């Protein structure tokens, strides 16, 4: 990602995380030791059975794919005057 877009992309990610409305309960963070952004989600063990686990993993993988697409294609759209794109419920 170009350095000049990093600040606005990070802002988009934090805004999306507010109230978990566009991260499906997942949380973004920065892993300083590995110099990368992480996305994680906690699923209570007490609620898990085979079907729930499969559904939660599939949902998380879909979320990761959506955010990978957004991050790879981000061009500082927010505030650019362009109509936001609705991608998996995430306005970009």
Protein backbone atom coordinates (compact mmCIF):
# COMPACT_ATOMS: atom_id res chain seq x y z
CA UNK A 1 0.00 0.00 0.00
CA UNK A 2 1.36 3.44 -0.84
CA UNK A 3 2.47 5.35 2.28
CA UNK A 4 0.30 8.38 1.43
CA UNK A 5 -2.84 6.20 1.63
CA UNK A 6 -1.92 4.42 4.88
CA UNK A 7 -3.47 6.98 7.22
CA UNK A 8 -6.82 7.12 5.46
CA UNK A 9 -6.91 3.33 5.07
CA UNK A 10 -6.22 2.82 8.78
CA UNK A 11 -8.96 5.33 9.56
CA UNK A 12 -11.39 3.38 7.34
CA UNK A 13 -10.46 0.17 9.16
CA UNK A 14 -10.94 1.72 12.60
CA UNK A 15 -14.27 3.30 11.61
CA UNK A 16 -15.44 -0.06 10.26
CA UNK A 17 -14.45 -1.71 13.52
CA UNK A 18 -16.43 0.77 15.65
CA UNK A 19 -19.32 -1.19 17.08
CA UNK A 20 -18.10 -4.11 14.95
CA UNK A 21 -20.65 -3.07 12.34
CA UNK A 22 -18.44 -3.89 9.36
CA UNK A 23 -16.08 -6.42 10.90
CA UNK A 24 -18.65 -9.02 12.04
CA UNK A 25 -17.36 -8.87 15.60
CA UNK A 26 -13.70 -9.12 14.59
CA UNK A 27 -10.96 -6.74 15.71
CA UNK A 28 -8.12 -5.17 13.75
CA UNK A 29 -4.76 -4.73 15.44
CA UNK A 30 -1.12 -4.19 14.53
CA UNK A 31 1.43 -6.88 15.29
CA UNK A 32 4.54 -4.77 15.80
CA UNK A 33 6.87 -7.76 16.06
CA UNK A 34 5.86 -9.05 12.63
CA UNK A 35 5.01 -5.61 11.16
CA UNK A 36 1.56 -6.63 9.97
CA UNK A 37 -2.12 -5.94 10.51
CA UNK A 38 -4.14 -8.74 12.09
CA UNK A 39 -7.85 -9.48 12.16
CA UNK A 40 -9.11 -11.71 14.95
CA UNK A 41 -12.42 -12.86 16.35
CA UNK A 42 -13.33 -14.63 19.57
CA UNK A 43 -15.95 -17.38 19.50
CA UNK A 44 -17.10 -18.65 22.90
CA UNK A 45 -16.13 -22.29 23.37
CA UNK A 46 -19.41 -23.08 25.14
CA UNK A 47 -21.38 -22.33 21.97
CA UNK A 48 -19.29 -24.50 19.66
CA UNK A 49 -20.42 -27.63 17.97
CA UNK A 50 -19.41 -28.88 14.54
CA UNK A 51 -22.01 -26.80 12.66
CA UNK A 52 -21.31 -23.60 14.59
CA UNK A 53 -17.54 -24.00 14.14
CA UNK A 54 -17.90 -24.56 10.39
CA UNK A 55 -20.24 -21.55 10.04
CA UNK A 56 -17.96 -19.26 12.10
CA UNK A 57 -14.81 -20.27 10.22
CA UNK A 58 -16.54 -19.77 6.87
CA UNK A 59 -17.85 -16.37 7.95
CA UNK A 60 -14.39 -15.31 9.15
CA UNK A 61 -12.70 -16.46 5.94
CA UNK A 62 -15.25 -14.48 3.90
CA UNK A 63 -14.60 -11.43 6.06
CA UNK A 64 -10.83 -11.80 5.63
CA UNK A 65 -11.21 -12.10 1.85
CA UNK A 66 -13.40 -8.99 1.76
CA UNK A 67 -10.90 -6.94 3.75
CA UNK A 68 -7.94 -8.25 1.74
CA UNK A 69 -9.72 -7.03 -1.40
CA UNK A 70 -10.43 -3.63 0.18
CA UNK A 71 -6.85 -3.20 1.41
CA UNK A 72 -5.27 -4.29 -1.86
CA UNK A 73 -7.50 -2.02 -3.92
CA UNK A 74 -7.71 0.98 -1.60
CA UNK A 75 -7.02 4.28 -3.31
CA UNK A 76 -8.13 6.74 -0.66
CA UNK A 77 -11.71 6.67 -1.93
CA UNK A 78 -13.22 8.11 1.25
CA UNK A 79 -13.59 11.84 0.81
CA UNK A 80 -12.70 11.63 -2.87
CA UNK A 81 -16.19 12.59 -3.98
CA UNK A 82 -16.74 9.18 -5.57
CA UNK A 83 -19.82 7.17 -4.73
CA UNK A 84 -18.93 4.60 -2.05
CA UNK A 85 -18.82 0.99 -3.15
CA UNK A 86 -20.80 -1.46 -1.04
CA UNK A 87 -18.52 -4.48 -0.66
CA UNK A 88 -19.88 -7.22 1.61
CA UNK A 89 -21.79 -4.51 3.48
CA UNK A 90 -18.65 -2.38 3.88
CA UNK A 91 -18.93 1.09 2.33
CA UNK A 92 -15.64 1.90 0.61
